[in-house]
PDB file of all heavy atoms in Angstrom:
ATOM      1  N   SER A   1       3.463   8.182 -14.207  1.00  0.00           N
ATOM      2  CA  SER A   1       4.575   7.336 -13.750  1.00  0.00           C
ATOM      3  C   SER A   1       4.591   7.252 -12.228  1.00  0.00           C
ATOM      4  O   SER A   1       4.868   6.196 -11.646  1.00  0.00           O
ATOM      5  CB  SER A   1       5.915   7.897 -14.244  1.00  0.00           C
ATOM      6  OG  SER A   1       5.991   7.833 -15.646  1.00  0.00           O
ATOM      7  N   PHE A   2       4.254   8.371 -11.583  1.00  0.00           N
ATOM      8  CA  PHE A   2       4.215   8.409 -10.128  1.00  0.00           C
ATOM      9  C   PHE A   2       3.207   7.396  -9.591  1.00  0.00           C
ATOM     10  O   PHE A   2       3.519   6.601  -8.687  1.00  0.00           O
ATOM     11  CB  PHE A   2       3.856   9.819  -9.658  1.00  0.00           C
ATOM     12  CG  PHE A   2       3.753   9.975  -8.173  1.00  0.00           C
ATOM     13  CD1 PHE A   2       4.846  10.371  -7.419  1.00  0.00           C
ATOM     14  CD2 PHE A   2       2.562   9.728  -7.503  1.00  0.00           C
ATOM     15  CE1 PHE A   2       4.753  10.516  -6.048  1.00  0.00           C
ATOM     16  CE2 PHE A   2       2.456   9.863  -6.132  1.00  0.00           C
ATOM     17  CZ  PHE A   2       3.561  10.265  -5.403  1.00  0.00           C
ATOM     18  N   PHE A   3       2.001   7.403 -10.143  1.00  0.00           N
ATOM     19  CA  PHE A   3       0.957   6.501  -9.623  1.00  0.00           C
ATOM     20  C   PHE A   3       1.196   5.050 -10.031  1.00  0.00           C
ATOM     21  O   PHE A   3       0.845   4.130  -9.283  1.00  0.00           O
ATOM     22  CB  PHE A   3      -0.426   6.983 -10.063  1.00  0.00           C
ATOM     23  CG  PHE A   3      -0.916   8.156  -9.258  1.00  0.00           C
ATOM     24  CD1 PHE A   3      -0.986   9.417  -9.818  1.00  0.00           C
ATOM     25  CD2 PHE A   3      -1.275   8.000  -7.931  1.00  0.00           C
ATOM     26  CE1 PHE A   3      -1.415  10.502  -9.081  1.00  0.00           C
ATOM     27  CE2 PHE A   3      -1.716   9.078  -7.173  1.00  0.00           C
ATOM     28  CZ  PHE A   3      -1.784  10.340  -7.756  1.00  0.00           C
ATOM     29  N   ARG A   4       1.793   4.824 -11.185  1.00  0.00           N
ATOM     30  CA  ARG A   4       2.136   3.439 -11.548  1.00  0.00           C
ATOM     31  C   ARG A   4       3.198   2.889 -10.597  1.00  0.00           C
ATOM     32  O   ARG A   4       3.141   1.720 -10.201  1.00  0.00           O
ATOM     33  CB  ARG A   4       2.623   3.380 -13.006  1.00  0.00           C
ATOM     34  CG  ARG A   4       1.497   3.426 -14.028  1.00  0.00           C
ATOM     35  CD  ARG A   4       1.978   2.999 -15.401  1.00  0.00           C
ATOM     36  NE  ARG A   4       2.915   3.987 -15.969  1.00  0.00           N
ATOM     37  CZ  ARG A   4       2.539   5.014 -16.730  1.00  0.00           C
ATOM     38  NH1 ARG A   4       1.257   5.200 -17.020  1.00  0.00           N
ATOM     39  NH2 ARG A   4       3.446   5.839 -17.220  1.00  0.00           N
ATOM     40  N   ARG A   5       4.145   3.739 -10.234  1.00  0.00           N
ATOM     41  CA  ARG A   5       5.162   3.312  -9.271  1.00  0.00           C
ATOM     42  C   ARG A   5       4.514   3.036  -7.909  1.00  0.00           C
ATOM     43  O   ARG A   5       4.854   2.078  -7.213  1.00  0.00           O
ATOM     44  CB  ARG A   5       6.243   4.388  -9.131  1.00  0.00           C
ATOM     45  CG  ARG A   5       7.462   3.922  -8.333  1.00  0.00           C
ATOM     46  CD  ARG A   5       8.548   5.015  -8.308  1.00  0.00           C
ATOM     47  NE  ARG A   5       8.839   5.512  -9.630  1.00  0.00           N
ATOM     48  CZ  ARG A   5       9.576   4.857 -10.524  1.00  0.00           C
ATOM     49  NH1 ARG A   5      10.090   3.675 -10.215  1.00  0.00           N
ATOM     50  NH2 ARG A   5       9.785   5.362 -11.720  1.00  0.00           N
ATOM     51  N   LEU A   6       3.572   3.901  -7.538  1.00  0.00           N
ATOM     52  CA  LEU A   6       2.863   3.710  -6.275  1.00  0.00           C
ATOM     53  C   LEU A   6       2.054   2.415  -6.288  1.00  0.00           C
ATOM     54  O   LEU A   6       1.976   1.701  -5.274  1.00  0.00           O
ATOM     55  CB  LEU A   6       1.954   4.913  -6.011  1.00  0.00           C
ATOM     56  CG  LEU A   6       1.410   5.083  -4.586  1.00  0.00           C
ATOM     57  CD1 LEU A   6       2.527   5.120  -3.563  1.00  0.00           C
ATOM     58  CD2 LEU A   6       0.560   6.354  -4.495  1.00  0.00           C
ATOM     59  N   GLN A   7       1.460   2.094  -7.441  1.00  0.00           N
ATOM     60  CA  GLN A   7       0.743   0.821  -7.575  1.00  0.00           C
ATOM     61  C   GLN A   7       1.655  -0.370  -7.298  1.00  0.00           C
ATOM     62  O   GLN A   7       1.253  -1.340  -6.660  1.00  0.00           O
ATOM     63  CB  GLN A   7       0.157   0.694  -8.987  1.00  0.00           C
ATOM     64  CG  GLN A   7      -1.165   1.402  -9.208  1.00  0.00           C
ATOM     65  CD  GLN A   7      -1.682   1.196 -10.617  1.00  0.00           C
ATOM     66  OE1 GLN A   7      -0.921   1.208 -11.591  1.00  0.00           O
ATOM     67  NE2 GLN A   7      -3.001   1.005 -10.749  1.00  0.00           N
ATOM     68  N   SER A   8       2.891  -0.286  -7.794  1.00  0.00           N
ATOM     69  CA  SER A   8       3.831  -1.395  -7.593  1.00  0.00           C
ATOM     70  C   SER A   8       4.149  -1.595  -6.114  1.00  0.00           C
ATOM     71  O   SER A   8       4.468  -2.710  -5.689  1.00  0.00           O
ATOM     72  CB  SER A   8       5.127  -1.151  -8.376  1.00  0.00           C
ATOM     73  OG  SER A   8       5.906  -0.126  -7.786  1.00  0.00           O
ATOM     74  N   PHE A   9       4.034  -0.543  -5.310  1.00  0.00           N
ATOM     75  CA  PHE A   9       4.295  -0.663  -3.877  1.00  0.00           C
ATOM     76  C   PHE A   9       3.215  -1.482  -3.176  1.00  0.00           C
ATOM     77  O   PHE A   9       3.466  -2.078  -2.131  1.00  0.00           O
ATOM     78  CB  PHE A   9       4.373   0.725  -3.238  1.00  0.00           C
ATOM     79  CG  PHE A   9       5.711   1.384  -3.375  1.00  0.00           C
ATOM     80  CD1 PHE A   9       6.556   1.073  -4.425  1.00  0.00           C
ATOM     81  CD2 PHE A   9       6.145   2.313  -2.447  1.00  0.00           C
ATOM     82  CE1 PHE A   9       7.794   1.672  -4.554  1.00  0.00           C
ATOM     83  CE2 PHE A   9       7.385   2.914  -2.568  1.00  0.00           C
ATOM     84  CZ  PHE A   9       8.205   2.594  -3.628  1.00  0.00           C
ATOM     85  N   PHE A  10       2.003  -1.476  -3.746  1.00  0.00           N
ATOM     86  CA  PHE A  10       0.897  -2.223  -3.131  1.00  0.00           C
ATOM     87  C   PHE A  10       0.742  -3.620  -3.724  1.00  0.00           C
ATOM     88  O   PHE A  10      -0.107  -4.392  -3.284  1.00  0.00           O
ATOM     89  CB  PHE A  10      -0.421  -1.460  -3.311  1.00  0.00           C
ATOM     90  CG  PHE A  10      -0.502  -0.194  -2.507  1.00  0.00           C
ATOM     91  CD1 PHE A  10      -0.308   1.041  -3.108  1.00  0.00           C
ATOM     92  CD2 PHE A  10      -0.757  -0.235  -1.148  1.00  0.00           C
ATOM     93  CE1 PHE A  10      -0.371   2.205  -2.388  1.00  0.00           C
ATOM     94  CE2 PHE A  10      -0.831   0.931  -0.410  1.00  0.00           C
ATOM     95  CZ  PHE A  10      -0.640   2.159  -1.027  1.00  0.00           C
ATOM     96  N   ALA A  11       1.520  -3.950  -4.748  1.00  0.00           N
ATOM     97  CA  ALA A  11       1.425  -5.273  -5.373  1.00  0.00           C
ATOM     98  C   ALA A  11       1.805  -6.353  -4.367  1.00  0.00           C
ATOM     99  O   ALA A  11       2.637  -6.154  -3.486  1.00  0.00           O
ATOM    100  CB  ALA A  11       2.347  -5.339  -6.590  1.00  0.00           C
ATOM    101  N   ASP A  12       1.161  -7.515  -4.521  1.00  0.00           N
ATOM    102  CA  ASP A  12       1.439  -8.672  -3.659  1.00  0.00           C
ATOM    103  C   ASP A  12       1.183  -8.384  -2.190  1.00  0.00           C
ATOM    104  O   ASP A  12       1.915  -8.842  -1.308  1.00  0.00           O
ATOM    105  CB  ASP A  12       2.894  -9.153  -3.824  1.00  0.00           C
ATOM    106  CG  ASP A  12       3.195  -9.557  -5.261  1.00  0.00           C
ATOM    107  OD1 ASP A  12       2.298 -10.141  -5.894  1.00  0.00           O
ATOM    108  OD2 ASP A  12       4.311  -9.283  -5.729  1.00  0.00           O
ATOM    109  N   THR A  13       0.137  -7.599  -1.917  1.00  0.00           N
ATOM    110  CA  THR A  13      -0.243  -7.367  -0.530  1.00  0.00           C
ATOM    111  C   THR A  13      -0.616  -8.693   0.118  1.00  0.00           C
ATOM    112  O   THR A  13      -1.441  -9.442  -0.400  1.00  0.00           O
ATOM    113  CB  THR A  13      -1.443  -6.404  -0.441  1.00  0.00           C
ATOM    114  OG1 THR A  13      -1.079  -5.166  -1.066  1.00  0.00           O
ATOM    115  CG2 THR A  13      -1.829  -6.150   1.000  1.00  0.00           C
ATOM    116  N   THR A  14       0.006  -8.999   1.237  1.00  0.00           N
ATOM    117  CA  THR A  14      -0.219 -10.300   1.876  1.00  0.00           C
ATOM    118  C   THR A  14      -1.591 -10.363   2.524  1.00  0.00           C
ATOM    119  O   THR A  14      -2.166  -9.344   2.909  1.00  0.00           O
ATOM    120  CB  THR A  14       0.858 -10.566   2.940  1.00  0.00           C
ATOM    121  OG1 THR A  14       0.793  -9.527   3.925  1.00  0.00           O
ATOM    122  CG2 THR A  14       2.242 -10.571   2.316  1.00  0.00           C
ATOM    123  N   TYR A  15      -2.100 -11.578   2.669  1.00  0.00           N
ATOM    124  CA  TYR A  15      -3.421 -11.759   3.266  1.00  0.00           C
ATOM    125  C   TYR A  15      -3.465 -11.335   4.727  1.00  0.00           C
ATOM    126  O   TYR A  15      -4.518 -11.000   5.254  1.00  0.00           O
ATOM    127  CB  TYR A  15      -3.864 -13.222   3.137  1.00  0.00           C
ATOM    128  CG  TYR A  15      -4.357 -13.553   1.751  1.00  0.00           C
ATOM    129  CD1 TYR A  15      -3.537 -14.202   0.828  1.00  0.00           C
ATOM    130  CD2 TYR A  15      -5.633 -13.188   1.354  1.00  0.00           C
ATOM    131  CE1 TYR A  15      -3.972 -14.485  -0.452  1.00  0.00           C
ATOM    132  CE2 TYR A  15      -6.094 -13.477   0.072  1.00  0.00           C
ATOM    133  CZ  TYR A  15      -5.258 -14.125  -0.819  1.00  0.00           C
ATOM    134  OH  TYR A  15      -5.700 -14.403  -2.090  1.00  0.00           O
ATOM    135  N   GLU A  16      -2.305 -11.338   5.386  1.00  0.00           N
ATOM    136  CA  GLU A  16      -2.303 -10.980   6.804  1.00  0.00           C
ATOM    137  C   GLU A  16      -2.647  -9.520   7.040  1.00  0.00           C
ATOM    138  O   GLU A  16      -3.038  -9.134   8.145  1.00  0.00           O
ATOM    139  CB  GLU A  16      -0.932 -11.288   7.425  1.00  0.00           C
ATOM    140  CG  GLU A  16       0.200 -10.449   6.860  1.00  0.00           C
ATOM    141  CD  GLU A  16       1.550 -10.883   7.375  1.00  0.00           C
ATOM    142  OE1 GLU A  16       1.879 -12.074   7.263  1.00  0.00           O
ATOM    143  OE2 GLU A  16       2.275 -10.021   7.895  1.00  0.00           O
ATOM    144  N   VAL A  17      -2.506  -8.651   5.987  1.00  0.00           N
ATOM    145  CA  VAL A  17      -2.838  -7.236   6.172  1.00  0.00           C
ATOM    146  C   VAL A  17      -4.244  -6.907   5.671  1.00  0.00           C
ATOM    147  O   VAL A  17      -4.691  -5.768   5.829  1.00  0.00           O
ATOM    148  CB  VAL A  17      -1.814  -6.320   5.464  1.00  0.00           C
ATOM    149  CG1 VAL A  17      -0.421  -6.584   5.951  1.00  0.00           C
ATOM    150  CG2 VAL A  17      -1.905  -6.451   3.954  1.00  0.00           C
ATOM    151  N   ILE A  18      -4.936  -7.876   5.101  1.00  0.00           N
ATOM    152  CA  ILE A  18      -6.261  -7.589   4.552  1.00  0.00           C
ATOM    153  C   ILE A  18      -7.223  -7.132   5.640  1.00  0.00           C
ATOM    154  O   ILE A  18      -8.048  -6.244   5.442  1.00  0.00           O
ATOM    155  CB  ILE A  18      -6.819  -8.826   3.803  1.00  0.00           C
ATOM    156  CG1 ILE A  18      -5.969  -9.097   2.551  1.00  0.00           C
ATOM    157  CG2 ILE A  18      -8.275  -8.618   3.413  1.00  0.00           C
ATOM    158  CD1 ILE A  18      -6.374 -10.332   1.789  1.00  0.00           C
ATOM    159  N   ARG A  19      -7.099  -7.736   6.832  1.00  0.00           N
ATOM    160  CA  ARG A  19      -7.986  -7.349   7.928  1.00  0.00           C
ATOM    161  C   ARG A  19      -7.774  -5.887   8.331  1.00  0.00           C
ATOM    162  O   ARG A  19      -8.673  -5.235   8.822  1.00  0.00           O
ATOM    163  CB  ARG A  19      -7.748  -8.263   9.144  1.00  0.00           C
ATOM    164  CG  ARG A  19      -8.241  -9.692   8.924  1.00  0.00           C
ATOM    165  CD  ARG A  19      -7.998 -10.556  10.146  1.00  0.00           C
ATOM    166  NE  ARG A  19      -6.584 -10.770  10.404  1.00  0.00           N
ATOM    167  CZ  ARG A  19      -5.904 -10.241  11.410  1.00  0.00           C
ATOM    168  NH1 ARG A  19      -6.513  -9.440  12.241  1.00  0.00           N
ATOM    169  NH2 ARG A  19      -4.622 -10.499  11.572  1.00  0.00           N
ATOM    170  N   GLU A  20      -6.564  -5.397   8.140  1.00  0.00           N
ATOM    171  CA  GLU A  20      -6.244  -4.004   8.449  1.00  0.00           C
ATOM    172  C   GLU A  20      -5.923  -3.256   7.154  1.00  0.00           C
ATOM    173  O   GLU A  20      -4.980  -2.473   7.071  1.00  0.00           O
ATOM    174  CB  GLU A  20      -5.049  -3.944   9.402  1.00  0.00           C
ATOM    175  CG  GLU A  20      -5.261  -4.620  10.731  1.00  0.00           C
ATOM    176  CD  GLU A  20      -6.184  -3.824  11.648  1.00  0.00           C
ATOM    177  OE1 GLU A  20      -6.380  -2.620  11.391  1.00  0.00           O
ATOM    178  OE2 GLU A  20      -6.702  -4.407  12.611  1.00  0.00           O
ATOM    179  N   GLN A  21      -6.758  -3.491   6.134  1.00  0.00           N
ATOM    180  CA  GLN A  21      -6.445  -2.997   4.797  1.00  0.00           C
ATOM    181  C   GLN A  21      -6.359  -1.477   4.745  1.00  0.00           C
ATOM    182  O   GLN A  21      -5.428  -0.918   4.161  1.00  0.00           O
ATOM    183  CB  GLN A  21      -7.501  -3.495   3.810  1.00  0.00           C
ATOM    184  CG  GLN A  21      -7.115  -3.307   2.346  1.00  0.00           C
ATOM    185  CD  GLN A  21      -7.988  -4.167   1.446  1.00  0.00           C
ATOM    186  OE1 GLN A  21      -7.906  -5.386   1.464  1.00  0.00           O
ATOM    187  NE2 GLN A  21      -8.847  -3.521   0.683  1.00  0.00           N
ATOM    188  N   GLU A  22      -7.319  -0.808   5.366  1.00  0.00           N
ATOM    189  CA  GLU A  22      -7.322   0.651   5.337  1.00  0.00           C
ATOM    190  C   GLU A  22      -6.072   1.208   6.019  1.00  0.00           C
ATOM    191  O   GLU A  22      -5.441   2.138   5.505  1.00  0.00           O
ATOM    192  CB  GLU A  22      -8.576   1.187   6.030  1.00  0.00           C
ATOM    193  CG  GLU A  22      -8.687   2.711   5.978  1.00  0.00           C
ATOM    194  CD  GLU A  22      -9.996   3.211   6.564  1.00  0.00           C
ATOM    195  OE1 GLU A  22     -11.041   2.580   6.302  1.00  0.00           O
ATOM    196  OE2 GLU A  22      -9.958   4.232   7.273  1.00  0.00           O
ATOM    197  N   LEU A  23      -5.697   0.640   7.159  1.00  0.00           N
ATOM    198  CA  LEU A  23      -4.500   1.089   7.866  1.00  0.00           C
ATOM    199  C   LEU A  23      -3.247   0.831   7.030  1.00  0.00           C
ATOM    200  O   LEU A  23      -2.324   1.652   7.012  1.00  0.00           O
ATOM    201  CB  LEU A  23      -4.387   0.381   9.218  1.00  0.00           C
ATOM    202  CG  LEU A  23      -3.159   0.732  10.057  1.00  0.00           C
ATOM    203  CD1 LEU A  23      -3.165   2.212  10.413  1.00  0.00           C
ATOM    204  CD2 LEU A  23      -3.103  -0.126  11.316  1.00  0.00           C
ATOM    205  N   HIS A  24      -3.232  -0.293   6.306  1.00  0.00           N
ATOM    206  CA  HIS A  24      -2.090  -0.616   5.456  1.00  0.00           C
ATOM    207  C   HIS A  24      -1.928   0.436   4.356  1.00  0.00           C
ATOM    208  O   HIS A  24      -0.819   0.921   4.105  1.00  0.00           O
ATOM    209  CB  HIS A  24      -2.273  -1.996   4.839  1.00  0.00           C
ATOM    210  CG  HIS A  24      -1.190  -2.362   3.862  1.00  0.00           C
ATOM    211  ND1 HIS A  24       0.123  -2.525   4.244  1.00  0.00           N
ATOM    212  CD2 HIS A  24      -1.215  -2.566   2.512  1.00  0.00           C
ATOM    213  CE1 HIS A  24       0.856  -2.826   3.182  1.00  0.00           C
ATOM    214  NE2 HIS A  24       0.067  -2.858   2.123  1.00  0.00           N
ATOM    215  N   TYR A  25      -3.032   0.806   3.696  1.00  0.00           N
ATOM    216  CA  TYR A  25      -2.977   1.849   2.676  1.00  0.00           C
ATOM    217  C   TYR A  25      -2.427   3.147   3.279  1.00  0.00           C
ATOM    218  O   TYR A  25      -1.552   3.801   2.708  1.00  0.00           O
ATOM    219  CB  TYR A  25      -4.368   2.136   2.112  1.00  0.00           C
ATOM    220  CG  TYR A  25      -4.989   1.015   1.313  1.00  0.00           C
ATOM    221  CD1 TYR A  25      -6.373   0.892   1.244  1.00  0.00           C
ATOM    222  CD2 TYR A  25      -4.209   0.095   0.629  1.00  0.00           C
ATOM    223  CE1 TYR A  25      -6.964  -0.125   0.505  1.00  0.00           C
ATOM    224  CE2 TYR A  25      -4.795  -0.924  -0.117  1.00  0.00           C
ATOM    225  CZ  TYR A  25      -6.172  -1.031  -0.167  1.00  0.00           C
ATOM    226  OH  TYR A  25      -6.753  -2.037  -0.888  1.00  0.00           O
ATOM    227  N   GLU A  26      -2.982   3.519   4.419  1.00  0.00           N
ATOM    228  CA  GLU A  26      -2.593   4.776   5.053  1.00  0.00           C
ATOM    229  C   GLU A  26      -1.113   4.765   5.438  1.00  0.00           C
ATOM    230  O   GLU A  26      -0.414   5.776   5.273  1.00  0.00           O
ATOM    231  CB  GLU A  26      -3.458   5.029   6.291  1.00  0.00           C
ATOM    232  CG  GLU A  26      -4.914   5.348   5.961  1.00  0.00           C
ATOM    233  CD  GLU A  26      -5.772   5.503   7.210  1.00  0.00           C
ATOM    234  OE1 GLU A  26      -5.250   5.250   8.322  1.00  0.00           O
ATOM    235  OE2 GLU A  26      -6.950   5.862   7.079  1.00  0.00           O
ATOM    236  N   ASN A  27      -0.636   3.648   5.960  1.00  0.00           N
ATOM    237  CA  ASN A  27       0.766   3.578   6.382  1.00  0.00           C
ATOM    238  C   ASN A  27       1.723   3.688   5.200  1.00  0.00           C
ATOM    239  O   ASN A  27       2.740   4.380   5.270  1.00  0.00           O
ATOM    240  CB  ASN A  27       1.025   2.275   7.155  1.00  0.00           C
ATOM    241  CG  ASN A  27       0.567   2.363   8.594  1.00  0.00           C
ATOM    242  OD1 ASN A  27       0.374   3.454   9.141  1.00  0.00           O
ATOM    243  ND2 ASN A  27       0.385   1.219   9.230  1.00  0.00           N
ATOM    244  N   VAL A  28       1.406   3.001   4.096  1.00  0.00           N
ATOM    245  CA  VAL A  28       2.274   3.068   2.912  1.00  0.00           C
ATOM    246  C   VAL A  28       2.282   4.483   2.344  1.00  0.00           C
ATOM    247  O   VAL A  28       3.344   5.032   2.016  1.00  0.00           O
ATOM    248  CB  VAL A  28       1.840   2.052   1.838  1.00  0.00           C
ATOM    249  CG1 VAL A  28       2.650   2.261   0.553  1.00  0.00           C
ATOM    250  CG2 VAL A  28       2.021   0.627   2.345  1.00  0.00           C
ATOM    251  N   LEU A  29       1.106   5.096   2.242  1.00  0.00           N
ATOM    252  CA  LEU A  29       1.033   6.467   1.731  1.00  0.00           C
ATOM    253  C   LEU A  29       1.758   7.441   2.653  1.00  0.00           C
ATOM    254  O   LEU A  29       2.442   8.366   2.196  1.00  0.00           O
ATOM    255  CB  LEU A  29      -0.425   6.892   1.553  1.00  0.00           C
ATOM    256  CG  LEU A  29      -1.190   6.197   0.422  1.00  0.00           C
ATOM    257  CD1 LEU A  29      -2.646   6.626   0.431  1.00  0.00           C
ATOM    258  CD2 LEU A  29      -0.565   6.498  -0.937  1.00  0.00           C
ATOM    259  N   PHE A  30       1.625   7.222   3.961  1.00  0.00           N
ATOM    260  CA  PHE A  30       2.328   8.080   4.923  1.00  0.00           C
ATOM    261  C   PHE A  30       3.833   8.008   4.698  1.00  0.00           C
ATOM    262  O   PHE A  30       4.522   9.033   4.653  1.00  0.00           O
ATOM    263  CB  PHE A  30       1.990   7.661   6.356  1.00  0.00           C
ATOM    264  CG  PHE A  30       2.859   8.329   7.392  1.00  0.00           C
ATOM    265  CD1 PHE A  30       2.598   9.615   7.800  1.00  0.00           C
ATOM    266  CD2 PHE A  30       3.947   7.663   7.943  1.00  0.00           C
ATOM    267  CE1 PHE A  30       3.407  10.247   8.750  1.00  0.00           C
ATOM    268  CE2 PHE A  30       4.765   8.273   8.885  1.00  0.00           C
ATOM    269  CZ  PHE A  30       4.485   9.571   9.286  1.00  0.00           C
ATOM    270  N   ILE A  31       4.367   6.794   4.557  1.00  0.00           N
ATOM    271  CA  ILE A  31       5.814   6.616   4.360  1.00  0.00           C
ATOM    272  C   ILE A  31       6.268   7.300   3.071  1.00  0.00           C
ATOM    273  O   ILE A  31       7.247   8.058   3.059  1.00  0.00           O
ATOM    274  CB  ILE A  31       6.177   5.116   4.327  1.00  0.00           C
ATOM    275  CG1 ILE A  31       5.920   4.477   5.692  1.00  0.00           C
ATOM    276  CG2 ILE A  31       7.630   4.921   3.921  1.00  0.00           C
ATOM    277  CD1 ILE A  31       5.997   2.956   5.672  1.00  0.00           C
ATOM    278  N   VAL A  32       5.559   7.035   1.975  1.00  0.00           N
ATOM    279  CA  VAL A  32       5.952   7.585   0.670  1.00  0.00           C
ATOM    280  C   VAL A  32       5.936   9.109   0.700  1.00  0.00           C
ATOM    281  O   VAL A  32       6.917   9.765   0.306  1.00  0.00           O
ATOM    282  CB  VAL A  32       5.032   7.058  -0.444  1.00  0.00           C
ATOM    283  CG1 VAL A  32       5.274   7.827  -1.747  1.00  0.00           C
ATOM    284  CG2 VAL A  32       5.254   5.568  -0.660  1.00  0.00           C
ATOM    285  N   PHE A  33       4.843   9.683   1.176  1.00  0.00           N
ATOM    286  CA  PHE A  33       4.737  11.137   1.121  1.00  0.00           C
ATOM    287  C   PHE A  33       5.572  11.816   2.206  1.00  0.00           C
ATOM    288  O   PHE A  33       5.974  12.959   2.051  1.00  0.00           O
ATOM    289  CB  PHE A  33       3.276  11.562   1.183  1.00  0.00           C
ATOM    290  CG  PHE A  33       2.545  11.291  -0.098  1.00  0.00           C
ATOM    291  CD1 PHE A  33       1.593  10.284  -0.183  1.00  0.00           C
ATOM    292  CD2 PHE A  33       2.842  12.010  -1.241  1.00  0.00           C
ATOM    293  CE1 PHE A  33       0.947  10.008  -1.372  1.00  0.00           C
ATOM    294  CE2 PHE A  33       2.195  11.747  -2.443  1.00  0.00           C
ATOM    295  CZ  PHE A  33       1.245  10.749  -2.509  1.00  0.00           C
TER     296      PHE A  33
END
């Protein structure tokens, strides 16, 4: 349930963050944890 909820946080990732995709992942994980 934890990881499914985490998946929902990354849903609909906008194209403007694709260029900084790795940083986007790291920032979301940083906030959550």
